[in-house]
Amino acid sequence: MNSEFEDAVIEAIRSLGRGEIASYGDIARDAGFPGAARGVGNVLSRTDGVPWWRVVRADGRLVSPNATRQAQLLEAEGIAISNGRVALRGDA
């Protein structure tokens, strides 16, 4: 059984469509828990079946140690990656 926070985080991640990305902070805010970015990472580390690869660091960098696999999955969805980084909401 998940907590309200975990359920909200999972739902926020599942709401991301193919080719859409968000930062941990974006997910925390969208889940109704602004400031809980670290908690989002914690949920992802224990959760299967959600598109984890669509969640990146606040600076757009991919997540180690899964950065190679994350890049493959994102590129398959049409996301451009440059120097281990993707463009986030509002990036020019």
N, C-alpha and C. Protein backbone atom coordinates (compact mmCIF):
# COMPACT_ATOMS: atom_id res chain seq x y z
N MET A 1 0.85 -1.19 0.00
CA MET A 1 0.00 0.00 0.00
C MET A 1 0.89 1.24 0.00
N ASN A 2 0.60 2.15 -0.91
CA ASN A 2 1.38 3.37 -1.04
C ASN A 2 0.80 4.49 -0.19
N SER A 3 1.66 5.44 0.15
CA SER A 3 1.20 6.64 0.84
C SER A 3 0.54 7.58 -0.17
N GLU A 4 -0.12 8.59 0.35
CA GLU A 4 -0.74 9.61 -0.52
C GLU A 4 0.33 10.25 -1.41
N PHE A 5 1.49 10.53 -0.83
CA PHE A 5 2.60 11.11 -1.59
C PHE A 5 3.03 10.19 -2.72
N GLU A 6 3.27 8.92 -2.41
CA GLU A 6 3.70 7.96 -3.42
C GLU A 6 2.68 7.84 -4.55
N ASP A 7 1.42 7.73 -4.20
CA ASP A 7 0.37 7.63 -5.22
C ASP A 7 0.34 8.87 -6.11
N ALA A 8 0.48 10.04 -5.50
CA ALA A 8 0.45 11.29 -6.27
C ALA A 8 1.66 11.39 -7.20
N VAL A 9 2.82 10.98 -6.72
CA VAL A 9 4.03 11.00 -7.54
C VAL A 9 3.89 10.04 -8.72
N ILE A 10 3.45 8.85 -8.44
CA ILE A 10 3.27 7.85 -9.50
C ILE A 10 2.29 8.35 -10.55
N GLU A 11 1.19 8.93 -10.12
CA GLU A 11 0.19 9.47 -11.05
C GLU A 11 0.79 10.60 -11.89
N ALA A 12 1.55 11.48 -11.26
CA ALA A 12 2.17 12.60 -11.99
C ALA A 12 3.14 12.08 -13.05
N ILE A 13 3.90 11.06 -12.72
CA ILE A 13 4.84 10.50 -13.69
C ILE A 13 4.09 9.79 -14.81
N ARG A 14 3.07 9.05 -14.46
CA ARG A 14 2.28 8.34 -15.48
C ARG A 14 1.55 9.32 -16.41
N SER A 15 1.32 10.55 -15.95
CA SER A 15 0.63 11.53 -16.79
C SER A 15 1.54 12.10 -17.88
N LEU A 16 2.85 11.87 -17.76
CA LEU A 16 3.77 12.33 -18.79
C LEU A 16 3.58 11.47 -20.03
N GLY A 17 3.35 12.12 -21.14
CA GLY A 17 3.16 11.39 -22.39
C GLY A 17 4.48 11.06 -23.06
N ARG A 18 4.40 10.23 -24.07
CA ARG A 18 5.58 9.87 -24.86
C ARG A 18 6.25 11.14 -25.37
N GLY A 19 7.56 11.23 -25.15
CA GLY A 19 8.31 12.39 -25.60
C GLY A 19 8.23 13.59 -24.68
N GLU A 20 7.63 13.43 -23.53
CA GLU A 20 7.48 14.51 -22.55
C GLU A 20 8.38 14.22 -21.35
N ILE A 21 9.07 15.23 -20.87
CA ILE A 21 9.95 15.05 -19.72
C ILE A 21 9.63 16.09 -18.65
N ALA A 22 10.08 15.81 -17.44
CA ALA A 22 9.91 16.73 -16.32
C ALA A 22 11.05 16.50 -15.34
N SER A 23 11.33 17.51 -14.55
CA SER A 23 12.34 17.37 -13.50
C SER A 23 11.69 16.76 -12.25
N TYR A 24 12.52 16.30 -11.34
CA TYR A 24 12.01 15.79 -10.07
C TYR A 24 11.16 16.85 -9.38
N GLY A 25 11.61 18.09 -9.44
CA GLY A 25 10.86 19.18 -8.83
C GLY A 25 9.52 19.42 -9.50
N ASP A 26 9.49 19.31 -10.83
CA ASP A 26 8.22 19.44 -11.56
C ASP A 26 7.24 18.38 -11.10
N ILE A 27 7.72 17.15 -10.97
CA ILE A 27 6.85 16.05 -10.56
C ILE A 27 6.34 16.29 -9.14
N ALA A 28 7.22 16.72 -8.25
CA ALA A 28 6.81 16.99 -6.87
C ALA A 28 5.71 18.06 -6.85
N ARG A 29 5.92 19.13 -7.60
CA ARG A 29 4.93 20.22 -7.67
C ARG A 29 3.62 19.71 -8.29
N ASP A 30 3.71 18.99 -9.40
CA ASP A 30 2.51 18.48 -10.06
C ASP A 30 1.75 17.49 -9.17
N ALA A 31 2.47 16.81 -8.29
CA ALA A 31 1.84 15.85 -7.38
C ALA A 31 1.22 16.55 -6.17
N GLY A 32 1.47 17.86 -6.04
CA GLY A 32 0.91 18.60 -4.91
C GLY A 32 1.83 18.68 -3.71
N PHE A 33 3.12 18.39 -3.93
CA PHE A 33 4.09 18.42 -2.84
C PHE A 33 5.33 19.21 -3.27
N PRO A 34 5.17 20.52 -3.52
CA PRO A 34 6.33 21.31 -3.95
C PRO A 34 7.45 21.22 -2.92
N GLY A 35 8.65 21.15 -3.41
CA GLY A 35 9.81 21.05 -2.53
C GLY A 35 10.19 19.63 -2.16
N ALA A 36 9.48 18.65 -2.68
CA ALA A 36 9.75 17.25 -2.32
C ALA A 36 10.45 16.48 -3.45
N ALA A 37 11.33 17.16 -4.16
CA ALA A 37 12.02 16.53 -5.29
C ALA A 37 12.79 15.28 -4.87
N ARG A 38 13.47 15.34 -3.74
CA ARG A 38 14.22 14.16 -3.28
C ARG A 38 13.28 12.99 -3.00
N GLY A 39 12.11 13.29 -2.50
CA GLY A 39 11.13 12.24 -2.24
C GLY A 39 10.68 11.57 -3.53
N VAL A 40 10.61 12.34 -4.61
CA VAL A 40 10.26 11.76 -5.92
C VAL A 40 11.30 10.73 -6.31
N GLY A 41 12.56 11.07 -6.15
CA GLY A 41 13.62 10.12 -6.46
C GLY A 41 13.52 8.86 -5.63
N ASN A 42 13.18 9.03 -4.38
CA ASN A 42 13.02 7.90 -3.48
C ASN A 42 11.89 6.98 -3.95
N VAL A 43 10.78 7.57 -4.35
CA VAL A 43 9.65 6.77 -4.85
C VAL A 43 10.08 6.02 -6.11
N LEU A 44 10.75 6.70 -7.02
CA LEU A 44 11.18 6.05 -8.26
C LEU A 44 12.13 4.90 -8.01
N SER A 45 12.96 5.01 -7.00
CA SER A 45 13.92 3.94 -6.72
C SER A 45 13.24 2.66 -6.23
N ARG A 46 11.98 2.78 -5.80
CA ARG A 46 11.26 1.62 -5.25
C ARG A 46 10.05 1.21 -6.08
N THR A 47 9.84 1.86 -7.22
CA THR A 47 8.61 1.65 -7.98
C THR A 47 8.91 1.10 -9.36
N ASP A 48 8.18 0.08 -9.75
CA ASP A 48 8.27 -0.47 -11.10
C ASP A 48 7.04 -0.06 -11.89
N GLY A 49 7.15 -0.12 -13.19
CA GLY A 49 5.98 0.10 -14.04
C GLY A 49 5.62 1.54 -14.33
N VAL A 50 6.50 2.48 -14.00
CA VAL A 50 6.26 3.87 -14.35
C VAL A 50 7.37 4.32 -15.29
N PRO A 51 7.11 5.27 -16.17
CA PRO A 51 8.12 5.72 -17.12
C PRO A 51 9.19 6.61 -16.46
N TRP A 52 10.02 6.01 -15.65
CA TRP A 52 11.05 6.71 -14.87
C TRP A 52 12.00 7.52 -15.74
N TRP A 53 12.23 7.06 -16.96
CA TRP A 53 13.20 7.71 -17.83
C TRP A 53 12.77 9.11 -18.25
N ARG A 54 11.50 9.46 -18.04
CA ARG A 54 11.01 10.78 -18.39
C ARG A 54 11.26 11.81 -17.30
N VAL A 55 11.88 11.39 -16.20
CA VAL A 55 12.18 12.28 -15.08
C VAL A 55 13.69 12.50 -15.03
N VAL A 56 14.09 13.77 -15.07
CA VAL A 56 15.51 14.13 -15.09
C VAL A 56 15.82 15.12 -13.97
N ARG A 57 17.09 15.39 -13.79
CA ARG A 57 17.49 16.36 -12.78
C ARG A 57 17.04 17.77 -13.16
N ALA A 58 17.06 18.67 -12.21
CA ALA A 58 16.60 20.05 -12.43
C ALA A 58 17.38 20.76 -13.53
N ASP A 59 18.63 20.37 -13.73
CA ASP A 59 19.45 21.00 -14.77
C ASP A 59 19.31 20.29 -16.11
N GLY A 60 18.41 19.31 -16.19
CA GLY A 60 18.19 18.58 -17.43
C GLY A 60 19.11 17.40 -17.63
N ARG A 61 20.01 17.19 -16.69
CA ARG A 61 20.95 16.07 -16.82
C ARG A 61 20.24 14.75 -16.55
N LEU A 62 20.74 13.72 -17.21
CA LEU A 62 20.19 12.38 -17.03
C LEU A 62 20.67 11.82 -15.71
N VAL A 63 20.00 10.77 -15.25
CA VAL A 63 20.24 10.24 -13.92
C VAL A 63 21.23 9.08 -13.95
N SER A 64 22.33 9.23 -13.23
CA SER A 64 23.28 8.13 -13.07
C SER A 64 22.72 7.17 -12.04
N PRO A 65 22.97 5.92 -12.04
CA PRO A 65 23.80 5.17 -12.98
C PRO A 65 23.04 4.68 -14.21
N ASN A 66 21.81 5.14 -14.40
CA ASN A 66 20.98 4.68 -15.52
C ASN A 66 21.01 5.63 -16.71
N ALA A 67 21.98 6.52 -16.77
CA ALA A 67 21.98 7.56 -17.80
C ALA A 67 22.02 6.98 -19.21
N THR A 68 22.77 5.92 -19.43
CA THR A 68 22.85 5.34 -20.77
C THR A 68 21.50 4.78 -21.20
N ARG A 69 20.87 4.01 -20.32
CA ARG A 69 19.56 3.44 -20.63
C ARG A 69 18.51 4.54 -20.75
N GLN A 70 18.59 5.53 -19.89
CA GLN A 70 17.65 6.64 -19.93
C GLN A 70 17.78 7.38 -21.27
N ALA A 71 18.99 7.61 -21.71
CA ALA A 71 19.21 8.28 -23.00
C ALA A 71 18.61 7.47 -24.14
N GLN A 72 18.80 6.17 -24.13
CA GLN A 72 18.24 5.31 -25.17
C GLN A 72 16.72 5.42 -25.21
N LEU A 73 16.09 5.34 -24.05
CA LEU A 73 14.63 5.39 -23.98
C LEU A 73 14.09 6.76 -24.40
N LEU A 74 14.76 7.82 -23.97
CA LEU A 74 14.32 9.16 -24.35
C LEU A 74 14.51 9.41 -25.85
N GLU A 75 15.65 9.00 -26.38
CA GLU A 75 15.89 9.18 -27.81
C GLU A 75 14.87 8.39 -28.64
N ALA A 76 14.47 7.22 -28.16
CA ALA A 76 13.44 6.43 -28.85
C ALA A 76 12.10 7.16 -28.88
N GLU A 77 11.91 8.10 -27.95
CA GLU A 77 10.68 8.89 -27.89
C GLU A 77 10.84 10.24 -28.60
N GLY A 78 11.99 10.45 -29.23
CA GLY A 78 12.21 11.68 -29.98
C GLY A 78 12.80 12.82 -29.20
N ILE A 79 13.27 12.57 -28.00
CA ILE A 79 13.89 13.61 -27.17
C ILE A 79 15.37 13.73 -27.56
N ALA A 80 15.79 14.94 -27.89
CA ALA A 80 17.19 15.19 -28.22
C ALA A 80 18.01 15.31 -26.93
N ILE A 81 19.17 14.70 -26.95
CA ILE A 81 20.07 14.76 -25.80
C ILE A 81 21.41 15.29 -26.29
N SER A 82 21.92 16.27 -25.58
CA SER A 82 23.19 16.86 -25.92
C SER A 82 24.05 16.94 -24.66
N ASN A 83 25.22 16.34 -24.71
CA ASN A 83 26.14 16.34 -23.57
C ASN A 83 25.47 15.83 -22.30
N GLY A 84 24.65 14.78 -22.44
CA GLY A 84 24.00 14.18 -21.28
C GLY A 84 22.89 15.01 -20.67
N ARG A 85 22.32 15.92 -21.47
CA ARG A 85 21.30 16.84 -20.96
C ARG A 85 20.16 16.97 -21.97
N VAL A 86 18.96 17.18 -21.44
CA VAL A 86 17.78 17.44 -22.26
C VAL A 86 17.24 18.82 -21.94
N ALA A 87 16.44 19.38 -22.81
CA ALA A 87 15.80 20.67 -22.55
C ALA A 87 14.57 20.43 -21.69
N LEU A 88 14.37 21.26 -20.69
CA LEU A 88 13.24 21.15 -19.79
C LEU A 88 12.18 22.19 -20.12
N ARG A 89 11.03 22.10 -19.44
CA ARG A 89 9.96 23.09 -19.59
C ARG A 89 10.54 24.49 -19.48
N GLY A 90 10.24 25.31 -20.44
CA GLY A 90 10.69 26.70 -20.38
C GLY A 90 12.10 26.95 -20.88
N ASP A 91 12.87 25.90 -21.18
CA ASP A 91 14.21 26.11 -21.73
C ASP A 91 14.07 26.61 -23.17
N ALA A 92 14.98 27.49 -23.53
CA ALA A 92 14.95 28.01 -24.90
C ALA A 92 15.73 27.12 -25.83
